[in-house]
Amino acid sequence: MSERTVLQPTESHPITVTPTGKHVVVRVNGEVVAETDAALTLQESTYPAVQYVPLADVVPSALTRSDTTTYCPYKGEANYYHLSAAGQTVDDAIWTYEQPYDAVDAIAGHVAFYSTKADVSVG
């Protein structure tokens, strides 16, 4: 395995993780698959803000571990889950950094949902 580049957030590529402070509900195919008051908002550079929901607040029966992994030089290795809701499975709908880099270690134990595959409402 080759050496992976690890990058730290900078002024030109800032990353912040803050408590969302609002009720977050995630629906897939119209069915609630996650609900929490403990979400974190990750804001990375100019990308849209992402809600990270505690894994414990996702309906366990909706989750199936995927073999997919990706790598982010700022956050680390991401693992994925398929989501089953309303009788359908959405492949790789969730990603999680199980051992995130120190700069974003608050997102450990949390998952994020692709906005194209799930409806995430805040507030």
PDB file of N, CA and C in Angstrom:
ATOM      1  N   MET A   1       0.855  -1.185   0.000  1.00  0.00           N
ATOM      2  CA  MET A   1       0.000   0.000   0.000  1.00  0.00           C
ATOM      3  C   MET A   1       0.891   1.234   0.000  1.00  0.00           C
ATOM      4  N   SER A   2       0.602   2.151  -0.880  1.00  0.00           N
ATOM      5  CA  SER A   2       1.434   3.350  -0.976  1.00  0.00           C
ATOM      6  C   SER A   2       1.127   4.325   0.154  1.00  0.00           C
ATOM      7  N   GLU A   3       2.080   5.179   0.414  1.00  0.00           N
ATOM      8  CA  GLU A   3       1.927   6.189   1.460  1.00  0.00           C
ATOM      9  C   GLU A   3       0.862   7.192   1.031  1.00  0.00           C
ATOM     10  N   ARG A   4      -0.056   7.491   1.919  1.00  0.00           N
ATOM     11  CA  ARG A   4      -1.127   8.435   1.585  1.00  0.00           C
ATOM     12  C   ARG A   4      -0.781   9.824   2.096  1.00  0.00           C
ATOM     13  N   THR A   5      -1.106  10.801   1.293  1.00  0.00           N
ATOM     14  CA  THR A   5      -0.909  12.195   1.688  1.00  0.00           C
ATOM     15  C   THR A   5      -1.911  12.551   2.773  1.00  0.00           C
ATOM     16  N   VAL A   6      -1.441  13.196   3.819  1.00  0.00           N
ATOM     17  CA  VAL A   6      -2.309  13.697   4.881  1.00  0.00           C
ATOM     18  C   VAL A   6      -2.201  15.214   4.866  1.00  0.00           C
ATOM     19  N   LEU A   7      -3.325  15.873   4.710  1.00  0.00           N
ATOM     20  CA  LEU A   7      -3.343  17.331   4.663  1.00  0.00           C
ATOM     21  C   LEU A   7      -4.070  17.896   5.871  1.00  0.00           C
ATOM     22  N   GLN A   8      -3.597  19.025   6.352  1.00  0.00           N
ATOM     23  CA  GLN A   8      -4.235  19.724   7.462  1.00  0.00           C
ATOM     24  C   GLN A   8      -5.096  20.855   6.893  1.00  0.00           C
ATOM     25  N   PRO A   9      -6.229  21.144   7.541  1.00  0.00           N
ATOM     26  CA  PRO A   9      -7.009  22.299   7.111  1.00  0.00           C
ATOM     27  C   PRO A   9      -6.144  23.565   7.198  1.00  0.00           C
ATOM     28  N   THR A  10      -6.351  24.471   6.265  1.00  0.00           N
ATOM     29  CA  THR A  10      -5.597  25.719   6.223  1.00  0.00           C
ATOM     30  C   THR A  10      -6.557  26.877   6.010  1.00  0.00           C
ATOM     31  N   GLU A  11      -6.010  28.077   6.001  1.00  0.00           N
ATOM     32  CA  GLU A  11      -6.838  29.247   5.739  1.00  0.00           C
ATOM     33  C   GLU A  11      -7.463  29.167   4.343  1.00  0.00           C
ATOM     34  N   SER A  12      -6.733  28.606   3.383  1.00  0.00           N
ATOM     35  CA  SER A  12      -7.271  28.496   2.028  1.00  0.00           C
ATOM     36  C   SER A  12      -8.175  27.270   1.847  1.00  0.00           C
ATOM     37  N   HIS A  13      -8.099  26.298   2.762  1.00  0.00           N
ATOM     38  CA  HIS A  13      -8.975  25.113   2.735  1.00  0.00           C
ATOM     39  C   HIS A  13      -9.408  24.809   4.175  1.00  0.00           C
ATOM     40  N   PRO A  14     -10.274  25.689   4.736  1.00  0.00           N
ATOM     41  CA  PRO A  14     -10.676  25.483   6.134  1.00  0.00           C
ATOM     42  C   PRO A  14     -11.701  24.353   6.278  1.00  0.00           C
ATOM     43  N   ILE A  15     -11.651  23.698   7.426  1.00  0.00           N
ATOM     44  CA  ILE A  15     -12.667  22.702   7.781  1.00  0.00           C
ATOM     45  C   ILE A  15     -13.063  22.964   9.228  1.00  0.00           C
ATOM     46  N   THR A  16     -14.366  23.111   9.464  1.00  0.00           N
ATOM     47  CA  THR A  16     -14.853  23.276  10.831  1.00  0.00           C
ATOM     48  C   THR A  16     -15.900  22.209  11.109  1.00  0.00           C
ATOM     49  N   VAL A  17     -15.941  21.762  12.367  1.00  0.00           N
ATOM     50  CA  VAL A  17     -16.957  20.815  12.825  1.00  0.00           C
ATOM     51  C   VAL A  17     -17.595  21.439  14.052  1.00  0.00           C
ATOM     52  N   THR A  18     -18.898  21.725  13.968  1.00  0.00           N
ATOM     53  CA  THR A  18     -19.602  22.373  15.069  1.00  0.00           C
ATOM     54  C   THR A  18     -20.931  21.659  15.323  1.00  0.00           C
ATOM     55  N   PRO A  19     -21.416  21.691  16.578  1.00  0.00           N
ATOM     56  CA  PRO A  19     -22.734  21.110  16.835  1.00  0.00           C
ATOM     57  C   PRO A  19     -23.792  21.831  15.999  1.00  0.00           C
ATOM     58  N   THR A  20     -24.672  21.076  15.375  1.00  0.00           N
ATOM     59  CA  THR A  20     -25.721  21.668  14.547  1.00  0.00           C
ATOM     60  C   THR A  20     -26.699  22.454  15.408  1.00  0.00           C
ATOM     61  N   GLY A  21     -27.035  21.912  16.581  1.00  0.00           N
ATOM     62  CA  GLY A  21     -27.908  22.625  17.511  1.00  0.00           C
ATOM     63  C   GLY A  21     -29.374  22.634  17.103  1.00  0.00           C
ATOM     64  N   LYS A  22     -29.739  21.835  16.119  1.00  0.00           N
ATOM     65  CA  LYS A  22     -31.129  21.746  15.669  1.00  0.00           C
ATOM     66  C   LYS A  22     -31.477  20.276  15.454  1.00  0.00           C
ATOM     67  N   HIS A  23     -32.777  20.021  15.367  1.00  0.00           N
ATOM     68  CA  HIS A  23     -33.268  18.660  15.124  1.00  0.00           C
ATOM     69  C   HIS A  23     -33.025  18.300  13.664  1.00  0.00           C
ATOM     70  N   VAL A  24     -32.404  17.156  13.429  1.00  0.00           N
ATOM     71  CA  VAL A  24     -32.110  16.697  12.067  1.00  0.00           C
ATOM     72  C   VAL A  24     -32.877  15.398  11.815  1.00  0.00           C
ATOM     73  N   VAL A  25     -33.585  15.362  10.677  1.00  0.00           N
ATOM     74  CA  VAL A  25     -34.333  14.177  10.273  1.00  0.00           C
ATOM     75  C   VAL A  25     -33.865  13.787   8.869  1.00  0.00           C
ATOM     76  N   VAL A  26     -33.582  12.501   8.692  1.00  0.00           N
ATOM     77  CA  VAL A  26     -33.146  11.991   7.387  1.00  0.00           C
ATOM     78  C   VAL A  26     -34.179  10.989   6.888  1.00  0.00           C
ATOM     79  N   ARG A  27     -34.638  11.220   5.647  1.00  0.00           N
ATOM     80  CA  ARG A  27     -35.607  10.311   5.030  1.00  0.00           C
ATOM     81  C   ARG A  27     -35.024   9.744   3.739  1.00  0.00           C
ATOM     82  N   VAL A  28     -35.326   8.484   3.488  1.00  0.00           N
ATOM     83  CA  VAL A  28     -34.988   7.834   2.228  1.00  0.00           C
ATOM     84  C   VAL A  28     -36.275   7.203   1.717  1.00  0.00           C
ATOM     85  N   ASN A  29     -36.611   7.480   0.473  1.00  0.00           N
ATOM     86  CA  ASN A  29     -37.867   6.992  -0.106  1.00  0.00           C
ATOM     87  C   ASN A  29     -39.058   7.347   0.782  1.00  0.00           C
ATOM     88  N   GLY A  30     -38.994   8.513   1.442  1.00  0.00           N
ATOM     89  CA  GLY A  30     -40.079   8.988   2.290  1.00  0.00           C
ATOM     90  C   GLY A  30     -40.106   8.411   3.694  1.00  0.00           C
ATOM     91  N   GLU A  31     -39.219   7.471   3.979  1.00  0.00           N
ATOM     92  CA  GLU A  31     -39.194   6.798   5.288  1.00  0.00           C
ATOM     93  C   GLU A  31     -38.073   7.385   6.152  1.00  0.00           C
ATOM     94  N   VAL A  32     -38.385   7.648   7.436  1.00  0.00           N
ATOM     95  CA  VAL A  32     -37.368   8.182   8.346  1.00  0.00           C
ATOM     96  C   VAL A  32     -36.346   7.091   8.654  1.00  0.00           C
ATOM     97  N   VAL A  33     -35.072   7.372   8.369  1.00  0.00           N
ATOM     98  CA  VAL A  33     -34.005   6.406   8.647  1.00  0.00           C
ATOM     99  C   VAL A  33     -33.055   6.905   9.734  1.00  0.00           C
ATOM    100  N   ALA A  34     -33.169   8.196  10.077  1.00  0.00           N
ATOM    101  CA  ALA A  34     -32.335   8.750  11.142  1.00  0.00           C
ATOM    102  C   ALA A  34     -33.006  10.005  11.684  1.00  0.00           C
ATOM    103  N   GLU A  35     -32.848  10.186  13.000  1.00  0.00           N
ATOM    104  CA  GLU A  35     -33.401  11.367  13.652  1.00  0.00           C
ATOM    105  C   GLU A  35     -32.541  11.655  14.877  1.00  0.00           C
ATOM    106  N   THR A  36     -32.130  12.930  15.033  1.00  0.00           N
ATOM    107  CA  THR A  36     -31.210  13.242  16.114  1.00  0.00           C
ATOM    108  C   THR A  36     -31.246  14.716  16.495  1.00  0.00           C
ATOM    109  N   ASP A  37     -30.855  14.986  17.727  1.00  0.00           N
ATOM    110  CA  ASP A  37     -30.591  16.357  18.187  1.00  0.00           C
ATOM    111  C   ASP A  37     -29.094  16.532  18.413  1.00  0.00           C
ATOM    112  N   ALA A  38     -28.290  15.532  18.011  1.00  0.00           N
ATOM    113  CA  ALA A  38     -26.849  15.548  18.296  1.00  0.00           C
ATOM    114  C   ALA A  38     -25.999  15.571  17.029  1.00  0.00           C
ATOM    115  N   ALA A  39     -26.552  16.095  15.936  1.00  0.00           N
ATOM    116  CA  ALA A  39     -25.800  16.146  14.679  1.00  0.00           C
ATOM    117  C   ALA A  39     -24.671  17.170  14.764  1.00  0.00           C
ATOM    118  N   LEU A  40     -23.673  16.962  13.920  1.00  0.00           N
ATOM    119  CA  LEU A  40     -22.561  17.905  13.767  1.00  0.00           C
ATOM    120  C   LEU A  40     -22.592  18.437  12.337  1.00  0.00           C
ATOM    121  N   THR A  41     -22.269  19.717  12.193  1.00  0.00           N
ATOM    122  CA  THR A  41     -22.172  20.317  10.862  1.00  0.00           C
ATOM    123  C   THR A  41     -20.696  20.417  10.495  1.00  0.00           C
ATOM    124  N   LEU A  42     -20.323  19.762   9.404  1.00  0.00           N
ATOM    125  CA  LEU A  42     -18.961  19.864   8.898  1.00  0.00           C
ATOM    126  C   LEU A  42     -18.985  20.799   7.693  1.00  0.00           C
ATOM    127  N   GLN A  43     -18.209  21.870   7.801  1.00  0.00           N
ATOM    128  CA  GLN A  43     -18.086  22.819   6.697  1.00  0.00           C
ATOM    129  C   GLN A  43     -16.667  22.745   6.177  1.00  0.00           C
ATOM    130  N   GLU A  44     -16.526  22.315   4.930  1.00  0.00           N
ATOM    131  CA  GLU A  44     -15.203  22.178   4.321  1.00  0.00           C
ATOM    132  C   GLU A  44     -15.089  23.142   3.151  1.00  0.00           C
ATOM    133  N   SER A  45     -14.175  24.087   3.281  1.00  0.00           N
ATOM    134  CA  SER A  45     -13.872  25.043   2.224  1.00  0.00           C
ATOM    135  C   SER A  45     -15.154  25.631   1.657  1.00  0.00           C
ATOM    136  N   THR A  46     -15.314  25.586   0.341  1.00  0.00           N
ATOM    137  CA  THR A  46     -16.503  26.173  -0.292  1.00  0.00           C
ATOM    138  C   THR A  46     -17.578  25.137  -0.592  1.00  0.00           C
ATOM    139  N   TYR A  47     -17.394  23.887  -0.132  1.00  0.00           N
ATOM    140  CA  TYR A  47     -18.389  22.843  -0.356  1.00  0.00           C
ATOM    141  C   TYR A  47     -19.629  23.099   0.504  1.00  0.00           C
ATOM    142  N   PRO A  48     -20.780  22.548   0.092  1.00  0.00           N
ATOM    143  CA  PRO A  48     -21.976  22.665   0.943  1.00  0.00           C
ATOM    144  C   PRO A  48     -21.731  22.005   2.307  1.00  0.00           C
ATOM    145  N   ALA A  49     -22.319  22.569   3.348  1.00  0.00           N
ATOM    146  CA  ALA A  49     -22.200  21.990   4.694  1.00  0.00           C
ATOM    147  C   ALA A  49     -22.820  20.592   4.699  1.00  0.00           C
ATOM    148  N   VAL A  50     -22.215  19.693   5.487  1.00  0.00           N
ATOM    149  CA  VAL A  50     -22.685  18.308   5.583  1.00  0.00           C
ATOM    150  C   VAL A  50     -23.059  18.009   7.025  1.00  0.00           C
ATOM    151  N   GLN A  51     -24.214  17.369   7.207  1.00  0.00           N
ATOM    152  CA  GLN A  51     -24.656  16.948   8.531  1.00  0.00           C
ATOM    153  C   GLN A  51     -24.094  15.562   8.828  1.00  0.00           C
ATOM    154  N   TYR A  52     -23.406  15.448   9.952  1.00  0.00           N
ATOM    155  CA  TYR A  52     -22.927  14.148  10.429  1.00  0.00           C
ATOM    156  C   TYR A  52     -23.803  13.742  11.612  1.00  0.00           C
ATOM    157  N   VAL A  53     -24.503  12.621  11.446  1.00  0.00           N
ATOM    158  CA  VAL A  53     -25.470  12.127  12.419  1.00  0.00           C
ATOM    159  C   VAL A  53     -24.832  10.980  13.197  1.00  0.00           C
ATOM    160  N   PRO A  54     -25.015  10.947  14.541  1.00  0.00           N
ATOM    161  CA  PRO A  54     -24.484   9.792  15.285  1.00  0.00           C
ATOM    162  C   PRO A  54     -25.020   8.481  14.705  1.00  0.00           C
ATOM    163  N   LEU A  55     -24.122   7.528  14.498  1.00  0.00           N
ATOM    164  CA  LEU A  55     -24.526   6.231  13.956  1.00  0.00           C
ATOM    165  C   LEU A  55     -25.616   5.607  14.826  1.00  0.00           C
ATOM    166  N   ALA A  56     -25.559   5.837  16.120  1.00  0.00           N
ATOM    167  CA  ALA A  56     -26.550   5.286  17.049  1.00  0.00           C
ATOM    168  C   ALA A  56     -27.955   5.826  16.788  1.00  0.00           C
ATOM    169  N   ASP A  57     -28.073   6.960  16.051  1.00  0.00           N
ATOM    170  CA  ASP A  57     -29.373   7.554  15.768  1.00  0.00           C
ATOM    171  C   ASP A  57     -29.915   7.185  14.388  1.00  0.00           C
ATOM    172  N   VAL A  58     -29.242   6.227  13.730  1.00  0.00           N
ATOM    173  CA  VAL A  58     -29.721   5.701  12.448  1.00  0.00           C
ATOM    174  C   VAL A  58     -30.428   4.382  12.730  1.00  0.00           C
ATOM    175  N   VAL A  59     -31.555   4.152  12.066  1.00  0.00           N
ATOM    176  CA  VAL A  59     -32.310   2.904  12.247  1.00  0.00           C
ATOM    177  C   VAL A  59     -31.397   1.735  11.870  1.00  0.00           C
ATOM    178  N   PRO A  60     -31.017   0.881  12.845  1.00  0.00           N
ATOM    179  CA  PRO A  60     -30.049  -0.187  12.569  1.00  0.00           C
ATOM    180  C   PRO A  60     -30.472  -1.135  11.450  1.00  0.00           C
ATOM    181  N   SER A  61     -31.756  -1.441  11.378  1.00  0.00           N
ATOM    182  CA  SER A  61     -32.228  -2.394  10.367  1.00  0.00           C
ATOM    183  C   SER A  61     -32.149  -1.833   8.950  1.00  0.00           C
ATOM    184  N   ALA A  62     -31.952  -0.521   8.818  1.00  0.00           N
ATOM    185  CA  ALA A  62     -31.856   0.101   7.491  1.00  0.00           C
ATOM    186  C   ALA A  62     -30.438   0.010   6.928  1.00  0.00           C
ATOM    187  N   LEU A  63     -29.462  -0.349   7.767  1.00  0.00           N
ATOM    188  CA  LEU A  63     -28.052  -0.309   7.382  1.00  0.00           C
ATOM    189  C   LEU A  63     -27.515  -1.654   6.923  1.00  0.00           C
ATOM    190  N   THR A  64     -26.774  -1.634   5.831  1.00  0.00           N
ATOM    191  CA  THR A  64     -26.003  -2.789   5.385  1.00  0.00           C
ATOM    192  C   THR A  64     -24.624  -2.290   5.004  1.00  0.00           C
ATOM    193  N   ARG A  65     -23.605  -2.858   5.596  1.00  0.00           N
ATOM    194  CA  ARG A  65     -22.225  -2.447   5.317  1.00  0.00           C
ATOM    195  C   ARG A  65     -21.884  -2.684   3.848  1.00  0.00           C
ATOM    196  N   SER A  66     -21.216  -1.727   3.249  1.00  0.00           N
ATOM    197  CA  SER A  66     -20.774  -1.820   1.855  1.00  0.00           C
ATOM    198  C   SER A  66     -19.286  -2.137   1.828  1.00  0.00           C
ATOM    199  N   ASP A  67     -18.807  -2.653   0.702  1.00  0.00           N
ATOM    200  CA  ASP A  67     -17.367  -2.881   0.538  1.00  0.00           C
ATOM    201  C   ASP A  67     -16.646  -1.625   0.039  1.00  0.00           C
ATOM    202  N   THR A  68     -17.396  -0.593  -0.295  1.00  0.00           N
ATOM    203  CA  THR A  68     -16.817   0.625  -0.863  1.00  0.00           C
ATOM    204  C   THR A  68     -15.988   1.384   0.180  1.00  0.00           C
ATOM    205  N   THR A  69     -14.840   1.880  -0.240  1.00  0.00           N
ATOM    206  CA  THR A  69     -14.048   2.792   0.588  1.00  0.00           C
ATOM    207  C   THR A  69     -13.512   3.895  -0.319  1.00  0.00           C
ATOM    208  N   THR A  70     -13.319   5.067   0.260  1.00  0.00           N
ATOM    209  CA  THR A  70     -12.682   6.175  -0.453  1.00  0.00           C
ATOM    210  C   THR A  70     -11.713   6.839   0.509  1.00  0.00           C
ATOM    211  N   TYR A  71     -10.907   7.741  -0.015  1.00  0.00           N
ATOM    212  CA  TYR A  71      -9.910   8.394   0.821  1.00  0.00           C
ATOM    213  C   TYR A  71      -9.962   9.905   0.638  1.00  0.00           C
ATOM    214  N   CYS A  72      -9.931  10.609   1.746  1.00  0.00           N
ATOM    215  CA  CYS A  72      -9.847  12.070   1.745  1.00  0.00           C
ATOM    216  C   CYS A  72      -8.587  12.455   2.497  1.00  0.00           C
ATOM    217  N   PRO A  73      -7.699  13.236   1.885  1.00  0.00           N
ATOM    218  CA  PRO A  73      -6.449  13.591   2.565  1.00  0.00           C
ATOM    219  C   PRO A  73      -6.651  14.461   3.813  1.00  0.00           C
ATOM    220  N   TYR A  74      -7.832  15.058   3.956  1.00  0.00           N
ATOM    221  CA  TYR A  74      -8.124  15.883   5.132  1.00  0.00           C
ATOM    222  C   TYR A  74      -8.806  15.102   6.252  1.00  0.00           C
ATOM    223  N   LYS A  75      -9.588  14.067   5.872  1.00  0.00           N
ATOM    224  CA  LYS A  75     -10.395  13.375   6.871  1.00  0.00           C
ATOM    225  C   LYS A  75      -9.998  11.926   7.095  1.00  0.00           C
ATOM    226  N   GLY A  76      -9.398  11.266   6.087  1.00  0.00           N
ATOM    227  CA  GLY A  76      -8.982   9.878   6.252  1.00  0.00           C
ATOM    228  C   GLY A  76      -9.766   8.944   5.358  1.00  0.00           C
ATOM    229  N   GLU A  77      -9.803   7.669   5.744  1.00  0.00           N
ATOM    230  CA  GLU A  77     -10.485   6.642   4.965  1.00  0.00           C
ATOM    231  C   GLU A  77     -11.964   6.592   5.322  1.00  0.00           C
ATOM    232  N   ALA A  78     -12.802   6.609   4.293  1.00  0.00           N
ATOM    233  CA  ALA A  78     -14.252   6.543   4.496  1.00  0.00           C
ATOM    234  C   ALA A  78     -14.758   5.146   4.160  1.00  0.00           C
ATOM    235  N   ASN A  79     -15.694   4.683   4.983  1.00  0.00           N
ATOM    236  CA  ASN A  79     -16.402   3.434   4.736  1.00  0.00           C
ATOM    237  C   ASN A  79     -17.848   3.787   4.427  1.00  0.00           C
ATOM    238  N   TYR A  80     -18.553   2.873   3.774  1.00  0.00           N
ATOM    239  CA  TYR A  80     -19.893   3.164   3.279  1.00  0.00           C
ATOM    240  C   TYR A  80     -20.922   2.145   3.747  1.00  0.00           C
ATOM    241  N   TYR A  81     -22.185   2.599   3.742  1.00  0.00           N
ATOM    242  CA  TYR A  81     -23.330   1.735   4.036  1.00  0.00           C
ATOM    243  C   TYR A  81     -24.380   1.910   2.946  1.00  0.00           C
ATOM    244  N   HIS A  82     -25.074   0.803   2.644  1.00  0.00           N
ATOM    245  CA  HIS A  82     -26.284   0.868   1.839  1.00  0.00           C
ATOM    246  C   HIS A  82     -27.424   1.147   2.819  1.00  0.00           C
ATOM    247  N   LEU A  83     -28.471   1.785   2.335  1.00  0.00           N
ATOM    248  CA  LEU A  83     -29.640   2.088   3.158  1.00  0.00           C
ATOM    249  C   LEU A  83     -30.869   1.419   2.558  1.00  0.00           C
ATOM    250  N   SER A  84     -31.616   0.718   3.398  1.00  0.00           N
ATOM    251  CA  SER A  84     -32.875   0.113   2.953  1.00  0.00           C
ATOM    252  C   SER A  84     -34.026   0.865   3.589  1.00  0.00           C
ATOM    253  N   ALA A  85     -34.953   1.317   2.737  1.00  0.00           N
ATOM    254  CA  ALA A  85     -36.127   2.038   3.236  1.00  0.00           C
ATOM    255  C   ALA A  85     -37.257   1.871   2.230  1.00  0.00           C
ATOM    256  N   ALA A  86     -38.465   1.747   2.753  1.00  0.00           N
ATOM    257  CA  ALA A  86     -39.667   1.621   1.916  1.00  0.00           C
ATOM    258  C   ALA A  86     -39.500   0.523   0.861  1.00  0.00           C
ATOM    259  N   GLY A  87     -38.867  -0.583   1.260  1.00  0.00           N
ATOM    260  CA  GLY A  87     -38.750  -1.737   0.385  1.00  0.00           C
ATOM    261  C   GLY A  87     -37.695  -1.625  -0.699  1.00  0.00           C
ATOM    262  N   GLN A  88     -36.881  -0.572  -0.661  1.00  0.00           N
ATOM    263  CA  GLN A  88     -35.829  -0.403  -1.661  1.00  0.00           C
ATOM    264  C   GLN A  88     -34.493  -0.172  -0.967  1.00  0.00           C
ATOM    265  N   THR A  89     -33.415  -0.587  -1.630  1.00  0.00           N
ATOM    266  CA  THR A  89     -32.074  -0.360  -1.103  1.00  0.00           C
ATOM    267  C   THR A  89     -31.370   0.686  -1.956  1.00  0.00           C
ATOM    268  N   VAL A  90     -30.789   1.659  -1.291  1.00  0.00           N
ATOM    269  CA  VAL A  90     -30.014   2.703  -1.960  1.00  0.00           C
ATOM    270  C   VAL A  90     -28.545   2.414  -1.684  1.00  0.00           C
ATOM    271  N   ASP A  91     -27.787   2.104  -2.728  1.00  0.00           N
ATOM    272  CA  ASP A  91     -26.390   1.726  -2.570  1.00  0.00           C
ATOM    273  C   ASP A  91     -25.522   2.907  -2.146  1.00  0.00           C
ATOM    274  N   ASP A  92     -24.609   2.641  -1.217  1.00  0.00           N
ATOM    275  CA  ASP A  92     -23.610   3.622  -0.778  1.00  0.00           C
ATOM    276  C   ASP A  92     -24.222   4.993  -0.481  1.00  0.00           C
ATOM    277  N   ALA A  93     -25.319   4.987   0.267  1.00  0.00           N
ATOM    278  CA  ALA A  93     -26.025   6.230   0.585  1.00  0.00           C
ATOM    279  C   ALA A  93     -25.373   6.984   1.733  1.00  0.00           C
ATOM    280  N   ILE A  94     -24.572   6.263   2.542  1.00  0.00           N
ATOM    281  CA  ILE A  94     -23.972   6.836   3.753  1.00  0.00           C
ATOM    282  C   ILE A  94     -22.474   6.608   3.724  1.00  0.00           C
ATOM    283  N   TRP A  95     -21.738   7.610   4.209  1.00  0.00           N
ATOM    284  CA  TRP A  95     -20.311   7.387   4.434  1.00  0.00           C
ATOM    285  C   TRP A  95     -19.969   7.761   5.865  1.00  0.00           C
ATOM    286  N   THR A  96     -18.880   7.180   6.351  1.00  0.00           N
ATOM    287  CA  THR A  96     -18.433   7.433   7.715  1.00  0.00           C
ATOM    288  C   THR A  96     -16.914   7.329   7.776  1.00  0.00           C
ATOM    289  N   TYR A  97     -16.331   8.162   8.613  1.00  0.00           N
ATOM    290  CA  TYR A  97     -14.890   8.080   8.884  1.00  0.00           C
ATOM    291  C   TYR A  97     -14.752   7.466  10.266  1.00  0.00           C
ATOM    292  N   GLU A  98     -14.425   6.179  10.310  1.00  0.00           N
ATOM    293  CA  GLU A  98     -14.379   5.483  11.601  1.00  0.00           C
ATOM    294  C   GLU A  98     -13.173   5.889  12.430  1.00  0.00           C
ATOM    295  N   GLN A  99     -12.077   6.247  11.763  1.00  0.00           N
ATOM    296  CA  GLN A  99     -10.878   6.727  12.451  1.00  0.00           C
ATOM    297  C   GLN A  99     -10.405   8.001  11.747  1.00  0.00           C
ATOM    298  N   PRO A 100     -11.179   9.086  11.889  1.00  0.00           N
ATOM    299  CA  PRO A 100     -10.837  10.318  11.171  1.00  0.00           C
ATOM    300  C   PRO A 100      -9.543  10.935  11.699  1.00  0.00           C
ATOM    301  N   TYR A 101      -8.924  11.733  10.841  1.00  0.00           N
ATOM    302  CA  TYR A 101      -7.722  12.439  11.256  1.00  0.00           C
ATOM    303  C   TYR A 101      -8.050  13.421  12.383  1.00  0.00           C
ATOM    304  N   ASP A 102      -7.007  13.782  13.148  1.00  0.00           N
ATOM    305  CA  ASP A 102      -7.190  14.605  14.349  1.00  0.00           C
ATOM    306  C   ASP A 102      -7.979  15.882  14.108  1.00  0.00           C
ATOM    307  N   ALA A 103      -7.770  16.532  12.969  1.00  0.00           N
ATOM    308  CA  ALA A 103      -8.422  17.825  12.704  1.00  0.00           C
ATOM    309  C   ALA A 103      -9.947  17.716  12.683  1.00  0.00           C
ATOM    310  N   VAL A 104     -10.455  16.518  12.400  1.00  0.00           N
ATOM    311  CA  VAL A 104     -11.912  16.316  12.322  1.00  0.00           C
ATOM    312  C   VAL A 104     -12.355  15.148  13.197  1.00  0.00           C
ATOM    313  N   ASP A 105     -11.610  14.880  14.275  1.00  0.00           N
ATOM    314  CA  ASP A 105     -11.894  13.685  15.078  1.00  0.00           C
ATOM    315  C   ASP A 105     -13.287  13.675  15.702  1.00  0.00           C
ATOM    316  N   ALA A 106     -13.949  14.828  15.764  1.00  0.00           N
ATOM    317  CA  ALA A 106     -15.301  14.884  16.339  1.00  0.00           C
ATOM    318  C   ALA A 106     -16.304  14.070  15.529  1.00  0.00           C
ATOM    319  N   ILE A 107     -16.019  13.807  14.241  1.00  0.00           N
ATOM    320  CA  ILE A 107     -16.991  13.072  13.411  1.00  0.00           C
ATOM    321  C   ILE A 107     -16.891  11.556  13.563  1.00  0.00           C
ATOM    322  N   ALA A 108     -15.952  11.081  14.362  1.00  0.00           N
ATOM    323  CA  ALA A 108     -15.890   9.643  14.643  1.00  0.00           C
ATOM    324  C   ALA A 108     -17.230   9.205  15.239  1.00  0.00           C
ATOM    325  N   GLY A 109     -17.725   8.047  14.810  1.00  0.00           N
ATOM    326  CA  GLY A 109     -19.004   7.559  15.329  1.00  0.00           C
ATOM    327  C   GLY A 109     -20.207   8.211  14.682  1.00  0.00           C
ATOM    328  N   HIS A 110     -19.972   9.036  13.664  1.00  0.00           N
ATOM    329  CA  HIS A 110     -21.048   9.714  12.951  1.00  0.00           C
ATOM    330  C   HIS A 110     -21.055   9.272  11.490  1.00  0.00           C
ATOM    331  N   VAL A 111     -22.195   9.456  10.840  1.00  0.00           N
ATOM    332  CA  VAL A 111     -22.335   9.136   9.421  1.00  0.00           C
ATOM    333  C   VAL A 111     -22.931  10.333   8.694  1.00  0.00           C
ATOM    334  N   ALA A 112     -22.640  10.410   7.397  1.00  0.00           N
ATOM    335  CA  ALA A 112     -23.204  11.464   6.557  1.00  0.00           C
ATOM    336  C   ALA A 112     -23.948  10.815   5.397  1.00  0.00           C
ATOM    337  N   PHE A 113     -24.921  11.543   4.876  1.00  0.00           N
ATOM    338  CA  PHE A 113     -25.811  11.024   3.838  1.00  0.00           C
ATOM    339  C   PHE A 113     -25.630  11.835   2.557  1.00  0.00           C
ATOM    340  N   TYR A 114     -25.561  11.156   1.427  1.00  0.00           N
ATOM    341  CA  TYR A 114     -25.496  11.861   0.151  1.00  0.00           C
ATOM    342  C   TYR A 114     -26.803  12.594  -0.093  1.00  0.00           C
ATOM    343  N   SER A 115     -26.722  13.873  -0.399  1.00  0.00           N
ATOM    344  CA  SER A 115     -27.929  14.684  -0.615  1.00  0.00           C
ATOM    345  C   SER A 115     -28.721  14.198  -1.834  1.00  0.00           C
ATOM    346  N   THR A 116     -28.052  13.491  -2.740  1.00  0.00           N
ATOM    347  CA  THR A 116     -28.748  12.956  -3.909  1.00  0.00           C
ATOM    348  C   THR A 116     -29.460  11.635  -3.626  1.00  0.00           C
ATOM    349  N   LYS A 117     -29.175  11.060  -2.441  1.00  0.00           N
ATOM    350  CA  LYS A 117     -29.746   9.741  -2.108  1.00  0.00           C
ATOM    351  C   LYS A 117     -30.638   9.761  -0.875  1.00  0.00           C
ATOM    352  N   ALA A 118     -30.618  10.878  -0.131  1.00  0.00           N
ATOM    353  CA  ALA A 118     -31.426  10.993   1.089  1.00  0.00           C
ATOM    354  C   ALA A 118     -31.863  12.437   1.246  1.00  0.00           C
ATOM    355  N   ASP A 119     -32.981  12.629   1.928  1.00  0.00           N
ATOM    356  CA  ASP A 119     -33.499  13.963   2.209  1.00  0.00           C
ATOM    357  C   ASP A 119     -33.138  14.298   3.654  1.00  0.00           C
ATOM    358  N   VAL A 120     -32.212  15.241   3.826  1.00  0.00           N
ATOM    359  CA  VAL A 120     -31.738  15.644   5.155  1.00  0.00           C
ATOM    360  C   VAL A 120     -32.362  16.996   5.487  1.00  0.00           C
ATOM    361  N   SER A 121     -33.220  17.034   6.513  1.00  0.00           N
ATOM    362  CA  SER A 121     -33.823  18.314   6.914  1.00  0.00           C
ATOM    363  C   SER A 121     -33.315  18.721   8.287  1.00  0.00           C
ATOM    364  N   VAL A 122     -32.978  20.006   8.400  1.00  0.00           N
ATOM    365  CA  VAL A 122     -32.408  20.572   9.630  1.00  0.00           C
ATOM    366  C   VAL A 122     -33.396  21.597  10.174  1.00  0.00           C
ATOM    367  N   GLY A 123     -33.739  21.414  11.474  1.00  0.00           N
ATOM    368  CA  GLY A 123     -34.608  22.411  12.107  1.00  0.00           C
ATOM    369  C   GLY A 123     -35.972  21.962  12.111  1.00  0.00           C
TER     370      GLY A 123
END
